[in-house]
Amino acid sequence: MGDDPVLYEIRVNGHLGPTLLTAFPAFAYETVSGQQGAQTVLTGPVPDIAALYGVIFQLEALGLELVAVQRVAPCSREEPSSSPGHGPRPAPPGLPRPLGDAP
């Protein structure tokens, strides 16, 4: 109790389209291409280990191939929002943009 969520980067094989991305509304996303083909990187806050397992089970239920899960950093509750109560907070510099944000 009282612990801040932790920022995780979750990598799956393939390009996730808009329909699949709606299953992960709290996560920003980025599609990257390499020699192994396209991968989608989901980055977002996870409140606890049970929630992380929930995300992993959801990926499996959708038939997605999990490549990697990496803890990025603790999230801070004190981080100010540019517009309280008006949509998602922009991604911190260097992270992919949140779902629904205009490029």
PDB file of N, CA and C in Angstrom:
ATOM      1  N   MET A   1       0.831  -1.183   0.000  1.00  0.00           N
ATOM      2  CA  MET A   1       0.000   0.000   0.000  1.00  0.00           C
ATOM      3  C   MET A   1       0.876   1.248   0.000  1.00  0.00           C
ATOM      4  N   GLY A   2       0.434   2.287  -0.750  1.00  0.00           N
ATOM      5  CA  GLY A   2       1.195   3.510  -0.789  1.00  0.00           C
ATOM      6  C   GLY A   2       2.348   3.503  -1.771  1.00  0.00           C
ATOM      7  N   ASP A   3       2.632   2.366  -2.374  1.00  0.00           N
ATOM      8  CA  ASP A   3       3.727   2.297  -3.343  1.00  0.00           C
ATOM      9  C   ASP A   3       3.283   2.887  -4.670  1.00  0.00           C
ATOM     10  N   ASP A   4       4.201   3.591  -5.314  1.00  0.00           N
ATOM     11  CA  ASP A   4       3.904   4.146  -6.629  1.00  0.00           C
ATOM     12  C   ASP A   4       3.925   3.047  -7.672  1.00  0.00           C
ATOM     13  N   PRO A   5       3.156   3.220  -8.762  1.00  0.00           N
ATOM     14  CA  PRO A   5       3.237   2.257  -9.860  1.00  0.00           C
ATOM     15  C   PRO A   5       4.640   2.272 -10.467  1.00  0.00           C
ATOM     16  N   VAL A   6       4.953   1.221 -11.176  1.00  0.00           N
ATOM     17  CA  VAL A   6       6.249   1.094 -11.826  1.00  0.00           C
ATOM     18  C   VAL A   6       6.034   1.147 -13.335  1.00  0.00           C
ATOM     19  N   LEU A   7       6.910   1.855 -14.026  1.00  0.00           N
ATOM     20  CA  LEU A   7       6.839   1.957 -15.478  1.00  0.00           C
ATOM     21  C   LEU A   7       7.487   0.724 -16.095  1.00  0.00           C
ATOM     22  N   TYR A   8       6.737   0.029 -16.958  1.00  0.00           N
ATOM     23  CA  TYR A   8       7.235  -1.168 -17.630  1.00  0.00           C
ATOM     24  C   TYR A   8       7.216  -0.975 -19.135  1.00  0.00           C
ATOM     25  N   GLU A   9       8.171  -1.632 -19.788  1.00  0.00           N
ATOM     26  CA  GLU A   9       8.216  -1.710 -21.245  1.00  0.00           C
ATOM     27  C   GLU A   9       7.951  -3.173 -21.595  1.00  0.00           C
ATOM     28  N   ILE A  10       6.900  -3.397 -22.388  1.00  0.00           N
ATOM     29  CA  ILE A  10       6.496  -4.743 -22.764  1.00  0.00           C
ATOM     30  C   ILE A  10       6.580  -4.845 -24.276  1.00  0.00           C
ATOM     31  N   ARG A  11       7.372  -5.787 -24.761  1.00  0.00           N
ATOM     32  CA  ARG A  11       7.634  -5.931 -26.195  1.00  0.00           C
ATOM     33  C   ARG A  11       6.966  -7.197 -26.712  1.00  0.00           C
ATOM     34  N   VAL A  12       6.189  -7.061 -27.814  1.00  0.00           N
ATOM     35  CA  VAL A  12       5.530  -8.201 -28.444  1.00  0.00           C
ATOM     36  C   VAL A  12       5.869  -8.238 -29.927  1.00  0.00           C
ATOM     37  N   ASN A  13       5.836  -9.423 -30.506  1.00  0.00           N
ATOM     38  CA  ASN A  13       6.083  -9.556 -31.941  1.00  0.00           C
ATOM     39  C   ASN A  13       4.893  -9.047 -32.727  1.00  0.00           C
ATOM     40  N   GLY A  14       5.174  -8.387 -33.837  1.00  0.00           N
ATOM     41  CA  GLY A  14       4.141  -7.934 -34.751  1.00  0.00           C
ATOM     42  C   GLY A  14       3.728  -6.489 -34.537  1.00  0.00           C
ATOM     43  N   HIS A  15       3.022  -5.993 -35.510  1.00  0.00           N
ATOM     44  CA  HIS A  15       2.458  -4.639 -35.475  1.00  0.00           C
ATOM     45  C   HIS A  15       1.047  -4.753 -34.925  1.00  0.00           C
ATOM     46  N   LEU A  16       0.752  -4.068 -33.817  1.00  0.00           N
ATOM     47  CA  LEU A  16      -0.596  -4.089 -33.257  1.00  0.00           C
ATOM     48  C   LEU A  16      -1.406  -2.958 -33.865  1.00  0.00           C
ATOM     49  N   GLY A  17      -2.528  -3.308 -34.442  1.00  0.00           N
ATOM     50  CA  GLY A  17      -3.418  -2.312 -35.032  1.00  0.00           C
ATOM     51  C   GLY A  17      -4.239  -1.609 -33.971  1.00  0.00           C
ATOM     52  N   PRO A  18      -5.039  -0.643 -34.389  1.00  0.00           N
ATOM     53  CA  PRO A  18      -5.830   0.160 -33.448  1.00  0.00           C
ATOM     54  C   PRO A  18      -6.770  -0.678 -32.576  1.00  0.00           C
ATOM     55  N   THR A  19      -7.364  -1.728 -33.129  1.00  0.00           N
ATOM     56  CA  THR A  19      -8.291  -2.544 -32.356  1.00  0.00           C
ATOM     57  C   THR A  19      -7.581  -3.248 -31.207  1.00  0.00           C
ATOM     58  N   LEU A  20      -6.444  -3.883 -31.477  1.00  0.00           N
ATOM     59  CA  LEU A  20      -5.700  -4.555 -30.410  1.00  0.00           C
ATOM     60  C   LEU A  20      -5.154  -3.557 -29.393  1.00  0.00           C
ATOM     61  N   LEU A  21      -4.740  -2.390 -29.845  1.00  0.00           N
ATOM     62  CA  LEU A  21      -4.184  -1.391 -28.932  1.00  0.00           C
ATOM     63  C   LEU A  21      -5.218  -0.890 -27.930  1.00  0.00           C
ATOM     64  N   THR A  22      -6.505  -0.954 -28.274  1.00  0.00           N
ATOM     65  CA  THR A  22      -7.538  -0.514 -27.329  1.00  0.00           C
ATOM     66  C   THR A  22      -7.590  -1.411 -26.094  1.00  0.00           C
ATOM     67  N   ALA A  23      -7.010  -2.607 -26.173  1.00  0.00           N
ATOM     68  CA  ALA A  23      -6.966  -3.502 -25.015  1.00  0.00           C
ATOM     69  C   ALA A  23      -5.983  -3.013 -23.950  1.00  0.00           C
ATOM     70  N   PHE A  24      -5.151  -2.030 -24.299  1.00  0.00           N
ATOM     71  CA  PHE A  24      -4.114  -1.540 -23.387  1.00  0.00           C
ATOM     72  C   PHE A  24      -4.163  -0.012 -23.304  1.00  0.00           C
ATOM     73  N   PRO A  25      -5.262   0.555 -22.808  1.00  0.00           N
ATOM     74  CA  PRO A  25      -5.432   2.015 -22.832  1.00  0.00           C
ATOM     75  C   PRO A  25      -4.443   2.792 -21.973  1.00  0.00           C
ATOM     76  N   ALA A  26      -3.860   2.176 -20.959  1.00  0.00           N
ATOM     77  CA  ALA A  26      -2.926   2.883 -20.081  1.00  0.00           C
ATOM     78  C   ALA A  26      -1.510   2.921 -20.635  1.00  0.00           C
ATOM     79  N   PHE A  27      -1.292   2.277 -21.791  1.00  0.00           N
ATOM     80  CA  PHE A  27       0.057   2.145 -22.329  1.00  0.00           C
ATOM     81  C   PHE A  27       0.263   2.994 -23.575  1.00  0.00           C
ATOM     82  N   ALA A  28       1.428   3.638 -23.630  1.00  0.00           N
ATOM     83  CA  ALA A  28       1.886   4.276 -24.866  1.00  0.00           C
ATOM     84  C   ALA A  28       2.438   3.153 -25.737  1.00  0.00           C
ATOM     85  N   TYR A  29       2.547   3.392 -27.031  1.00  0.00           N
ATOM     86  CA  TYR A  29       3.042   2.335 -27.906  1.00  0.00           C
ATOM     87  C   TYR A  29       3.974   2.891 -28.959  1.00  0.00           C
ATOM     88  N   GLU A  30       4.772   1.984 -29.483  1.00  0.00           N
ATOM     89  CA  GLU A  30       5.698   2.319 -30.569  1.00  0.00           C
ATOM     90  C   GLU A  30       5.927   1.029 -31.346  1.00  0.00           C
ATOM     91  N   THR A  31       5.872   1.110 -32.665  1.00  0.00           N
ATOM     92  CA  THR A  31       6.189  -0.043 -33.502  1.00  0.00           C
ATOM     93  C   THR A  31       7.600   0.148 -34.026  1.00  0.00           C
ATOM     94  N   VAL A  32       8.428  -0.873 -33.854  1.00  0.00           N
ATOM     95  CA  VAL A  32       9.810  -0.823 -34.313  1.00  0.00           C
ATOM     96  C   VAL A  32      10.036  -1.970 -35.292  1.00  0.00           C
ATOM     97  N   SER A  33      10.867  -1.728 -36.276  1.00  0.00           N
ATOM     98  CA  SER A  33      11.194  -2.758 -37.262  1.00  0.00           C
ATOM     99  C   SER A  33      12.664  -3.105 -37.151  1.00  0.00           C
ATOM    100  N   GLY A  34      12.945  -4.362 -37.363  1.00  0.00           N
ATOM    101  CA  GLY A  34      14.325  -4.830 -37.326  1.00  0.00           C
ATOM    102  C   GLY A  34      14.457  -6.061 -38.193  1.00  0.00           C
ATOM    103  N   GLN A  35      15.580  -6.738 -38.080  1.00  0.00           N
ATOM    104  CA  GLN A  35      15.811  -7.935 -38.877  1.00  0.00           C
ATOM    105  C   GLN A  35      14.849  -9.057 -38.507  1.00  0.00           C
ATOM    106  N   GLN A  36      14.344  -9.039 -37.282  1.00  0.00           N
ATOM    107  CA  GLN A  36      13.392 -10.063 -36.839  1.00  0.00           C
ATOM    108  C   GLN A  36      11.953  -9.720 -37.226  1.00  0.00           C
ATOM    109  N   GLY A  37      11.731  -8.588 -37.898  1.00  0.00           N
ATOM    110  CA  GLY A  37      10.387  -8.150 -38.265  1.00  0.00           C
ATOM    111  C   GLY A  37       9.897  -7.070 -37.325  1.00  0.00           C
ATOM    112  N   ALA A  38       8.627  -6.723 -37.473  1.00  0.00           N
ATOM    113  CA  ALA A  38       8.038  -5.656 -36.654  1.00  0.00           C
ATOM    114  C   ALA A  38       7.758  -6.143 -35.241  1.00  0.00           C
ATOM    115  N   GLN A  39       7.945  -5.249 -34.290  1.00  0.00           N
ATOM    116  CA  GLN A  39       7.589  -5.488 -32.898  1.00  0.00           C
ATOM    117  C   GLN A  39       6.884  -4.240 -32.380  1.00  0.00           C
ATOM    118  N   THR A  40       5.975  -4.453 -31.449  1.00  0.00           N
ATOM    119  CA  THR A  40       5.304  -3.341 -30.793  1.00  0.00           C
ATOM    120  C   THR A  40       5.791  -3.265 -29.354  1.00  0.00           C
ATOM    121  N   VAL A  41       6.147  -2.059 -28.934  1.00  0.00           N
ATOM    122  CA  VAL A  41       6.615  -1.825 -27.572  1.00  0.00           C
ATOM    123  C   VAL A  41       5.532  -1.030 -26.847  1.00  0.00           C
ATOM    124  N   LEU A  42       4.996  -1.610 -25.792  1.00  0.00           N
ATOM    125  CA  LEU A  42       4.004  -0.950 -24.942  1.00  0.00           C
ATOM    126  C   LEU A  42       4.715  -0.447 -23.695  1.00  0.00           C
ATOM    127  N   THR A  43       4.520   0.820 -23.358  1.00  0.00           N
ATOM    128  CA  THR A  43       5.171   1.400 -22.181  1.00  0.00           C
ATOM    129  C   THR A  43       4.113   2.074 -21.326  1.00  0.00           C
ATOM    130  N   GLY A  44       4.074   1.687 -20.038  1.00  0.00           N
ATOM    131  CA  GLY A  44       3.085   2.304 -19.176  1.00  0.00           C
ATOM    132  C   GLY A  44       3.231   1.892 -17.732  1.00  0.00           C
ATOM    133  N   PRO A  45       2.450   2.545 -16.865  1.00  0.00           N
ATOM    134  CA  PRO A  45       2.517   2.268 -15.432  1.00  0.00           C
ATOM    135  C   PRO A  45       1.766   0.985 -15.081  1.00  0.00           C
ATOM    136  N   VAL A  46       2.357   0.217 -14.173  1.00  0.00           N
ATOM    137  CA  VAL A  46       1.724  -0.999 -13.667  1.00  0.00           C
ATOM    138  C   VAL A  46       1.731  -0.880 -12.142  1.00  0.00           C
ATOM    139  N   PRO A  47       0.559  -0.936 -11.505  1.00  0.00           N
ATOM    140  CA  PRO A  47       0.488  -0.676 -10.072  1.00  0.00           C
ATOM    141  C   PRO A  47       1.147  -1.730  -9.188  1.00  0.00           C
ATOM    142  N   ASP A  48       1.125  -2.994  -9.614  1.00  0.00           N
ATOM    143  CA  ASP A  48       1.727  -4.047  -8.792  1.00  0.00           C
ATOM    144  C   ASP A  48       1.963  -5.287  -9.650  1.00  0.00           C
ATOM    145  N   ILE A  49       2.574  -6.298  -9.055  1.00  0.00           N
ATOM    146  CA  ILE A  49       2.944  -7.500  -9.803  1.00  0.00           C
ATOM    147  C   ILE A  49       1.707  -8.250 -10.297  1.00  0.00           C
ATOM    148  N   ALA A  50       0.620  -8.215  -9.540  1.00  0.00           N
ATOM    149  CA  ALA A  50      -0.611  -8.878  -9.979  1.00  0.00           C
ATOM    150  C   ALA A  50      -1.134  -8.229 -11.268  1.00  0.00           C
ATOM    151  N   ALA A  51      -1.064  -6.912 -11.341  1.00  0.00           N
ATOM    152  CA  ALA A  51      -1.496  -6.210 -12.554  1.00  0.00           C
ATOM    153  C   ALA A  51      -0.578  -6.542 -13.731  1.00  0.00           C
ATOM    154  N   LEU A  52       0.718  -6.689 -13.471  1.00  0.00           N
ATOM    155  CA  LEU A  52       1.651  -7.069 -14.534  1.00  0.00           C
ATOM    156  C   LEU A  52       1.288  -8.441 -15.087  1.00  0.00           C
ATOM    157  N   TYR A  53       1.015  -9.388 -14.197  1.00  0.00           N
ATOM    158  CA  TYR A  53       0.587 -10.718 -14.661  1.00  0.00           C
ATOM    159  C   TYR A  53      -0.725 -10.620 -15.436  1.00  0.00           C
ATOM    160  N   GLY A  54      -1.602  -9.726 -15.034  1.00  0.00           N
ATOM    161  CA  GLY A  54      -2.854  -9.521 -15.769  1.00  0.00           C
ATOM    162  C   GLY A  54      -2.614  -9.063 -17.194  1.00  0.00           C
ATOM    163  N   VAL A  55      -1.657  -8.140 -17.371  1.00  0.00           N
ATOM    164  CA  VAL A  55      -1.315  -7.663 -18.716  1.00  0.00           C
ATOM    165  C   VAL A  55      -0.729  -8.813 -19.541  1.00  0.00           C
ATOM    166  N   ILE A  56       0.154  -9.593 -18.920  1.00  0.00           N
ATOM    167  CA  ILE A  56       0.770 -10.722 -19.630  1.00  0.00           C
ATOM    168  C   ILE A  56      -0.292 -11.741 -20.032  1.00  0.00           C
ATOM    169  N   PHE A  57      -1.225 -12.044 -19.128  1.00  0.00           N
ATOM    170  CA  PHE A  57      -2.298 -12.989 -19.463  1.00  0.00           C
ATOM    171  C   PHE A  57      -3.178 -12.443 -20.585  1.00  0.00           C
ATOM    172  N   GLN A  58      -3.412 -11.136 -20.585  1.00  0.00           N
ATOM    173  CA  GLN A  58      -4.215 -10.521 -21.643  1.00  0.00           C
ATOM    174  C   GLN A  58      -3.508 -10.640 -22.997  1.00  0.00           C
ATOM    175  N   LEU A  59      -2.194 -10.438 -23.008  1.00  0.00           N
ATOM    176  CA  LEU A  59      -1.424 -10.613 -24.248  1.00  0.00           C
ATOM    177  C   LEU A  59      -1.582 -12.041 -24.759  1.00  0.00           C
ATOM    178  N   GLU A  60      -1.470 -13.014 -23.852  1.00  0.00           N
ATOM    179  CA  GLU A  60      -1.607 -14.415 -24.235  1.00  0.00           C
ATOM    180  C   GLU A  60      -3.011 -14.710 -24.768  1.00  0.00           C
ATOM    181  N   ALA A  61      -4.034 -14.187 -24.100  1.00  0.00           N
ATOM    182  CA  ALA A  61      -5.414 -14.404 -24.521  1.00  0.00           C
ATOM    183  C   ALA A  61      -5.680 -13.839 -25.914  1.00  0.00           C
ATOM    184  N   LEU A  62      -4.971 -12.779 -26.267  1.00  0.00           N
ATOM    185  CA  LEU A  62      -5.121 -12.175 -27.598  1.00  0.00           C
ATOM    186  C   LEU A  62      -4.250 -12.857 -28.646  1.00  0.00           C
ATOM    187  N   GLY A  63      -3.484 -13.862 -28.233  1.00  0.00           N
ATOM    188  CA  GLY A  63      -2.640 -14.597 -29.172  1.00  0.00           C
ATOM    189  C   GLY A  63      -1.377 -13.871 -29.559  1.00  0.00           C
ATOM    190  N   LEU A  64      -0.930 -12.935 -28.724  1.00  0.00           N
ATOM    191  CA  LEU A  64       0.274 -12.167 -29.029  1.00  0.00           C
ATOM    192  C   LEU A  64       1.494 -12.856 -28.441  1.00  0.00           C
ATOM    193  N   GLU A  65       2.605 -12.802 -29.160  1.00  0.00           N
ATOM    194  CA  GLU A  65       3.845 -13.426 -28.705  1.00  0.00           C
ATOM    195  C   GLU A  65       4.660 -12.427 -27.904  1.00  0.00           C
ATOM    196  N   LEU A  66       4.833 -12.702 -26.614  1.00  0.00           N
ATOM    197  CA  LEU A  66       5.601 -11.849 -25.723  1.00  0.00           C
ATOM    198  C   LEU A  66       7.085 -12.050 -25.987  1.00  0.00           C
ATOM    199  N   VAL A  67       7.807 -10.951 -26.191  1.00  0.00           N
ATOM    200  CA  VAL A  67       9.243 -11.011 -26.447  1.00  0.00           C
ATOM    201  C   VAL A  67      10.025 -10.633 -25.192  1.00  0.00           C
ATOM    202  N   ALA A  68       9.594  -9.560 -24.502  1.00  0.00           N
ATOM    203  CA  ALA A  68      10.342  -9.097 -23.329  1.00  0.00           C
ATOM    204  C   ALA A  68       9.461  -8.234 -22.439  1.00  0.00           C
ATOM    205  N   VAL A  69       9.772  -8.264 -21.148  1.00  0.00           N
ATOM    206  CA  VAL A  69       9.169  -7.368 -20.160  1.00  0.00           C
ATOM    207  C   VAL A  69      10.326  -6.747 -19.401  1.00  0.00           C
ATOM    208  N   GLN A  70      10.348  -5.418 -19.359  1.00  0.00           N
ATOM    209  CA  GLN A  70      11.453  -4.735 -18.697  1.00  0.00           C
ATOM    210  C   GLN A  70      10.914  -3.637 -17.790  1.00  0.00           C
ATOM    211  N   ARG A  71      11.377  -3.647 -16.553  1.00  0.00           N
ATOM    212  CA  ARG A  71      11.046  -2.563 -15.623  1.00  0.00           C
ATOM    213  C   ARG A  71      11.878  -1.353 -16.018  1.00  0.00           C
ATOM    214  N   VAL A  72      11.205  -0.229 -16.274  1.00  0.00           N
ATOM    215  CA  VAL A  72      11.910   0.967 -16.732  1.00  0.00           C
ATOM    216  C   VAL A  72      12.236   1.881 -15.555  1.00  0.00           C
ATOM    217  N   ALA A  73      11.229   2.236 -14.760  1.00  0.00           N
ATOM    218  CA  ALA A  73      11.451   3.164 -13.641  1.00  0.00           C
ATOM    219  C   ALA A  73      10.203   3.237 -12.789  1.00  0.00           C
ATOM    220  N   PRO A  74      10.342   3.648 -11.533  1.00  0.00           N
ATOM    221  CA  PRO A  74       9.148   3.906 -10.721  1.00  0.00           C
ATOM    222  C   PRO A  74       8.430   5.138 -11.257  1.00  0.00           C
ATOM    223  N   CYS A  75       7.119   5.157 -11.150  1.00  0.00           N
ATOM    224  CA  CYS A  75       6.336   6.329 -11.548  1.00  0.00           C
ATOM    225  C   CYS A  75       6.171   7.227 -10.342  1.00  0.00           C
ATOM    226  N   SER A  76       6.125   8.525 -10.565  1.00  0.00           N
ATOM    227  CA  SER A  76       5.980   9.478  -9.468  1.00  0.00           C
ATOM    228  C   SER A  76       4.565  10.014  -9.440  1.00  0.00           C
ATOM    229  N   ARG A  77       3.937   9.981  -8.280  1.00  0.00           N
ATOM    230  CA  ARG A  77       2.590  10.548  -8.125  1.00  0.00           C
ATOM    231  C   ARG A  77       2.627  12.077  -8.110  1.00  0.00           C
ATOM    232  N   GLU A  78       3.789  12.652  -7.822  1.00  0.00           N
ATOM    233  CA  GLU A  78       3.896  14.109  -7.734  1.00  0.00           C
ATOM    234  C   GLU A  78       4.063  14.782  -9.093  1.00  0.00           C
ATOM    235  N   GLU A  79       4.196  13.995 -10.153  1.00  0.00           N
ATOM    236  CA  GLU A  79       4.408  14.561 -11.480  1.00  0.00           C
ATOM    237  C   GLU A  79       3.201  15.410 -11.868  1.00  0.00           C
ATOM    238  N   PRO A  80       3.395  16.686 -12.165  1.00  0.00           N
ATOM    239  CA  PRO A  80       2.266  17.556 -12.486  1.00  0.00           C
ATOM    240  C   PRO A  80       1.691  17.230 -13.858  1.00  0.00           C
ATOM    241  N   SER A  81       0.397  17.385 -13.979  1.00  0.00           N
ATOM    242  CA  SER A  81      -0.287  17.174 -15.250  1.00  0.00           C
ATOM    243  C   SER A  81      -0.490  18.527 -15.918  1.00  0.00           C
ATOM    244  N   SER A  82      -0.277  18.583 -17.225  1.00  0.00           N
ATOM    245  CA  SER A  82      -0.416  19.848 -17.934  1.00  0.00           C
ATOM    246  C   SER A  82      -1.869  20.297 -17.999  1.00  0.00           C
ATOM    247  N   SER A  83      -2.819  19.356 -17.965  1.00  0.00           N
ATOM    248  CA  SER A  83      -4.231  19.707 -18.005  1.00  0.00           C
ATOM    249  C   SER A  83      -5.013  18.705 -17.165  1.00  0.00           C
ATOM    250  N   PRO A  84      -5.133  18.967 -15.853  1.00  0.00           N
ATOM    251  CA  PRO A  84      -5.768  18.008 -14.958  1.00  0.00           C
ATOM    252  C   PRO A  84      -7.173  17.646 -15.411  1.00  0.00           C
ATOM    253  N   GLY A  85      -7.443  16.331 -15.484  1.00  0.00           N
ATOM    254  CA  GLY A  85      -8.768  15.868 -15.828  1.00  0.00           C
ATOM    255  C   GLY A  85      -9.139  15.990 -17.285  1.00  0.00           C
ATOM    256  N   HIS A  86      -8.215  16.330 -18.150  1.00  0.00           N
ATOM    257  CA  HIS A  86      -8.532  16.523 -19.561  1.00  0.00           C
ATOM    258  C   HIS A  86      -7.694  15.621 -20.444  1.00  0.00           C
ATOM    259  N   GLY A  87      -7.906  14.319 -20.367  1.00  0.00           N
ATOM    260  CA  GLY A  87      -7.220  13.394 -21.258  1.00  0.00           C
ATOM    261  C   GLY A  87      -5.910  12.902 -20.693  1.00  0.00           C
ATOM    262  N   PRO A  88      -5.229  12.069 -21.487  1.00  0.00           N
ATOM    263  CA  PRO A  88      -3.990  11.451 -21.005  1.00  0.00           C
ATOM    264  C   PRO A  88      -2.849  12.443 -20.903  1.00  0.00           C
ATOM    265  N   ARG A  89      -1.956  12.158 -19.987  1.00  0.00           N
ATOM    266  CA  ARG A  89      -0.751  12.951 -19.805  1.00  0.00           C
ATOM    267  C   ARG A  89       0.220  12.636 -20.937  1.00  0.00           C
ATOM    268  N   PRO A  90       0.943  13.602 -21.469  1.00  0.00           N
ATOM    269  CA  PRO A  90       1.916  13.289 -22.514  1.00  0.00           C
ATOM    270  C   PRO A  90       3.019  12.382 -21.980  1.00  0.00           C
ATOM    271  N   ALA A  91       3.574  11.571 -22.865  1.00  0.00           N
ATOM    272  CA  ALA A  91       4.665  10.678 -22.469  1.00  0.00           C
ATOM    273  C   ALA A  91       5.890  11.504 -22.106  1.00  0.00           C
ATOM    274  N   PRO A  92       6.649  11.045 -21.113  1.00  0.00           N
ATOM    275  CA  PRO A  92       7.902  11.734 -20.793  1.00  0.00           C
ATOM    276  C   PRO A  92       8.836  11.715 -21.999  1.00  0.00           C
ATOM    277  N   PRO A  93       9.768  12.664 -22.087  1.00  0.00           N
ATOM    278  CA  PRO A  93      10.686  12.700 -23.222  1.00  0.00           C
ATOM    279  C   PRO A  93      11.394  11.358 -23.399  1.00  0.00           C
ATOM    280  N   GLY A  94      11.501  10.927 -24.636  1.00  0.00           N
ATOM    281  CA  GLY A  94      12.194   9.689 -24.944  1.00  0.00           C
ATOM    282  C   GLY A  94      11.299   8.465 -24.930  1.00  0.00           C
ATOM    283  N   LEU A  95      10.010   8.615 -24.526  1.00  0.00           N
ATOM    284  CA  LEU A  95       9.086   7.488 -24.530  1.00  0.00           C
ATOM    285  C   LEU A  95       8.116   7.647 -25.689  1.00  0.00           C
ATOM    286  N   PRO A  96       7.544   6.534 -26.164  1.00  0.00           N
ATOM    287  CA  PRO A  96       6.580   6.620 -27.254  1.00  0.00           C
ATOM    288  C   PRO A  96       5.328   7.358 -26.802  1.00  0.00           C
ATOM    289  N   ARG A  97       4.558   7.851 -27.761  1.00  0.00           N
ATOM    290  CA  ARG A  97       3.378   8.638 -27.433  1.00  0.00           C
ATOM    291  C   ARG A  97       2.239   7.749 -26.936  1.00  0.00           C
ATOM    292  N   PRO A  98       1.370   8.283 -26.021  1.00  0.00           N
ATOM    293  CA  PRO A  98       0.232   7.520 -25.534  1.00  0.00           C
ATOM    294  C   PRO A  98      -0.784   7.300 -26.639  1.00  0.00           C
ATOM    295  N   LEU A  99      -1.607   6.269 -26.486  1.00  0.00           N
ATOM    296  CA  LEU A  99      -2.672   5.991 -27.451  1.00  0.00           C
ATOM    297  C   LEU A  99      -3.590   7.197 -27.548  1.00  0.00           C
ATOM    298  N   GLY A 100      -4.039   7.504 -28.751  1.00  0.00           N
ATOM    299  CA  GLY A 100      -4.991   8.581 -28.951  1.00  0.00           C
ATOM    300  C   GLY A 100      -4.373   9.956 -29.081  1.00  0.00           C
ATOM    301  N   ASP A 101      -3.093  10.124 -28.806  1.00  0.00           N
ATOM    302  CA  ASP A 101      -2.452  11.429 -28.954  1.00  0.00           C
ATOM    303  C   ASP A 101      -2.139  11.678 -30.422  1.00  0.00           C
ATOM    304  N   ALA A 102      -2.357  12.870 -30.861  1.00  0.00           N
ATOM    305  CA  ALA A 102      -2.009  13.241 -32.229  1.00  0.00           C
ATOM    306  C   ALA A 102      -0.494  13.320 -32.366  1.00  0.00           C
ATOM    307  N   PRO A 103       0.030  12.913 -33.521  1.00  0.00           N
ATOM    308  CA  PRO A 103       1.494  12.976 -33.704  1.00  0.00           C
ATOM    309  C   PRO A 103       2.044  14.382 -33.692  1.00  0.00           C
TER     310      PRO A 103
END
